[in-house]
Amino acid sequence: MADPLHPPPKEARDTVAGCRERAAQDRLQAAGTDTENGRRVLERSAASWEARADEMQRLESGSAGQRIADRNLWASEEGDGPGSPE
């Protein structure tokens, strides 16, 4: 049974750093490739990994911002309970 407090570690492809590392590897391979087609394929792969990393980072930043907003709202509502000064 999965432990919700200790989820398994994410695979590299599911992290921003992992995607950026994969993009860097593909760019290095592209630079050393002998064929134009091979270079293009690896460059497209690198661009895809970068786009994936950018999207994950955007989503993570948005989620973090939402958590902060939720905490601030929760804290402001705690002072609005019964018996609190108005």
C-alpha atoms as a PDB file:
ATOM      1  CA  MET A   1       0.000   0.000   0.000  1.00  0.00           C
ATOM      2  CA  ALA A   2       1.316   3.447  -0.932  1.00  0.00           C
ATOM      3  CA  ASP A   3       2.299   5.776   1.879  1.00  0.00           C
ATOM      4  CA  PRO A   4       0.769   9.218   1.150  1.00  0.00           C
ATOM      5  CA  LEU A   5       3.245  10.917   3.496  1.00  0.00           C
ATOM      6  CA  HIS A   6       6.257   9.404   1.708  1.00  0.00           C
ATOM      7  CA  PRO A   7       5.536   9.148  -2.006  1.00  0.00           C
ATOM      8  CA  PRO A   8       8.086   7.341  -4.178  1.00  0.00           C
ATOM      9  CA  PRO A   9      10.736   9.574  -5.734  1.00  0.00           C
ATOM     10  CA  LYS A  10       9.882  11.073  -9.118  1.00  0.00           C
ATOM     11  CA  GLU A  11      11.573   9.768 -12.219  1.00  0.00           C
ATOM     12  CA  ALA A  12      14.007  12.220 -13.822  1.00  0.00           C
ATOM     13  CA  ARG A  13      11.640  12.773 -16.756  1.00  0.00           C
ATOM     14  CA  ASP A  14       9.049  14.042 -14.268  1.00  0.00           C
ATOM     15  CA  THR A  15      11.243  16.779 -12.802  1.00  0.00           C
ATOM     16  CA  VAL A  16      12.369  20.134 -14.178  1.00  0.00           C
ATOM     17  CA  ALA A  17      16.023  19.309 -13.495  1.00  0.00           C
ATOM     18  CA  GLY A  18      15.714  15.889 -15.125  1.00  0.00           C
ATOM     19  CA  CYS A  19      14.161  17.352 -18.271  1.00  0.00           C
ATOM     20  CA  ARG A  20      16.823  20.043 -18.505  1.00  0.00           C
ATOM     21  CA  GLU A  21      19.556  17.430 -18.060  1.00  0.00           C
ATOM     22  CA  ARG A  22      18.058  15.326 -20.857  1.00  0.00           C
ATOM     23  CA  ALA A  23      17.900  18.396 -23.118  1.00  0.00           C
ATOM     24  CA  ALA A  24      21.565  19.125 -22.410  1.00  0.00           C
ATOM     25  CA  GLN A  25      22.518  15.526 -23.236  1.00  0.00           C
ATOM     26  CA  ASP A  26      20.597  15.677 -26.515  1.00  0.00           C
ATOM     27  CA  ARG A  27      22.309  18.957 -27.459  1.00  0.00           C
ATOM     28  CA  LEU A  28      25.723  17.422 -26.784  1.00  0.00           C
ATOM     29  CA  GLN A  29      24.863  14.396 -28.891  1.00  0.00           C
ATOM     30  CA  ALA A  30      23.551  16.645 -31.669  1.00  0.00           C
ATOM     31  CA  ALA A  31      26.837  18.541 -31.753  1.00  0.00           C
ATOM     32  CA  GLY A  32      28.757  15.307 -32.238  1.00  0.00           C
ATOM     33  CA  THR A  33      26.481  13.700 -34.781  1.00  0.00           C
ATOM     34  CA  ASP A  34      27.747  12.915 -38.285  1.00  0.00           C
ATOM     35  CA  THR A  35      24.499  13.433 -40.174  1.00  0.00           C
ATOM     36  CA  GLU A  36      22.283  16.449 -40.671  1.00  0.00           C
ATOM     37  CA  ASN A  37      19.158  14.388 -40.020  1.00  0.00           C
ATOM     38  CA  GLY A  38      20.583  12.961 -36.788  1.00  0.00           C
ATOM     39  CA  ARG A  39      21.490  16.450 -35.623  1.00  0.00           C
ATOM     40  CA  ARG A  40      17.980  17.759 -36.375  1.00  0.00           C
ATOM     41  CA  VAL A  41      16.321  14.868 -34.577  1.00  0.00           C
ATOM     42  CA  LEU A  42      18.424  15.435 -31.451  1.00  0.00           C
ATOM     43  CA  GLU A  43      17.910  19.202 -31.575  1.00  0.00           C
ATOM     44  CA  ARG A  44      14.130  18.698 -31.771  1.00  0.00           C
ATOM     45  CA  SER A  45      14.341  16.274 -28.867  1.00  0.00           C
ATOM     46  CA  ALA A  46      16.318  18.814 -26.830  1.00  0.00           C
ATOM     47  CA  ALA A  47      13.741  21.507 -27.619  1.00  0.00           C
ATOM     48  CA  SER A  48      10.944  19.160 -26.523  1.00  0.00           C
ATOM     49  CA  TRP A  49      12.669  18.395 -23.221  1.00  0.00           C
ATOM     50  CA  GLU A  50      13.218  22.137 -22.620  1.00  0.00           C
ATOM     51  CA  ALA A  51       9.557  22.858 -23.377  1.00  0.00           C
ATOM     52  CA  ARG A  52       8.514  20.105 -20.961  1.00  0.00           C
ATOM     53  CA  ALA A  53      10.791  21.549 -18.264  1.00  0.00           C
ATOM     54  CA  ASP A  54       9.441  25.069 -18.853  1.00  0.00           C
ATOM     55  CA  GLU A  55       5.834  23.875 -18.564  1.00  0.00           C
ATOM     56  CA  MET A  56       6.548  21.890 -15.400  1.00  0.00           C
ATOM     57  CA  GLN A  57       8.278  24.911 -13.876  1.00  0.00           C
ATOM     58  CA  ARG A  58       5.355  27.154 -14.823  1.00  0.00           C
ATOM     59  CA  LEU A  59       2.886  24.738 -13.221  1.00  0.00           C
ATOM     60  CA  GLU A  60       5.011  24.345 -10.088  1.00  0.00           C
ATOM     61  CA  SER A  61       5.340  28.122  -9.721  1.00  0.00           C
ATOM     62  CA  GLY A  62       1.597  28.559 -10.170  1.00  0.00           C
ATOM     63  CA  SER A  63       0.892  25.853  -7.607  1.00  0.00           C
ATOM     64  CA  ALA A  64       3.266  27.440  -5.109  1.00  0.00           C
ATOM     65  CA  GLY A  65       1.616  30.831  -5.631  1.00  0.00           C
ATOM     66  CA  GLN A  66      -1.814  29.308  -5.137  1.00  0.00           C
ATOM     67  CA  ARG A  67      -0.708  27.622  -1.900  1.00  0.00           C
ATOM     68  CA  ILE A  68       0.558  30.967  -0.587  1.00  0.00           C
ATOM     69  CA  ALA A  69      -2.696  32.688  -1.542  1.00  0.00           C
ATOM     70  CA  ASP A  70      -4.686  29.890   0.130  1.00  0.00           C
ATOM     71  CA  ARG A  71      -2.621  30.186   3.336  1.00  0.00           C
ATOM     72  CA  ASN A  72      -3.072  33.960   3.388  1.00  0.00           C
ATOM     73  CA  LEU A  73      -6.817  33.611   2.882  1.00  0.00           C
ATOM     74  CA  TRP A  74      -7.020  30.945   5.588  1.00  0.00           C
ATOM     75  CA  ALA A  75      -5.060  33.145   8.006  1.00  0.00           C
ATOM     76  CA  SER A  76      -7.257  36.172   7.286  1.00  0.00           C
ATOM     77  CA  GLU A  77     -10.435  34.141   7.832  1.00  0.00           C
ATOM     78  CA  GLU A  78      -9.187  32.796  11.153  1.00  0.00           C
ATOM     79  CA  GLY A  79      -9.461  36.316  12.577  1.00  0.00           C
ATOM     80  CA  ASP A  80     -13.075  36.583  11.334  1.00  0.00           C
ATOM     81  CA  GLY A  81     -14.438  33.830  13.578  1.00  0.00           C
ATOM     82  CA  PRO A  82     -16.987  34.225  16.386  1.00  0.00           C
ATOM     83  CA  GLY A  83     -15.820  36.423  19.204  1.00  0.00           C
ATOM     84  CA  SER A  84     -13.127  38.127  17.156  1.00  0.00           C
ATOM     85  CA  PRO A  85     -12.950  41.904  17.183  1.00  0.00           C
ATOM     86  CA  GLU A  86     -14.264  43.668  14.096  1.00  0.00           C
END
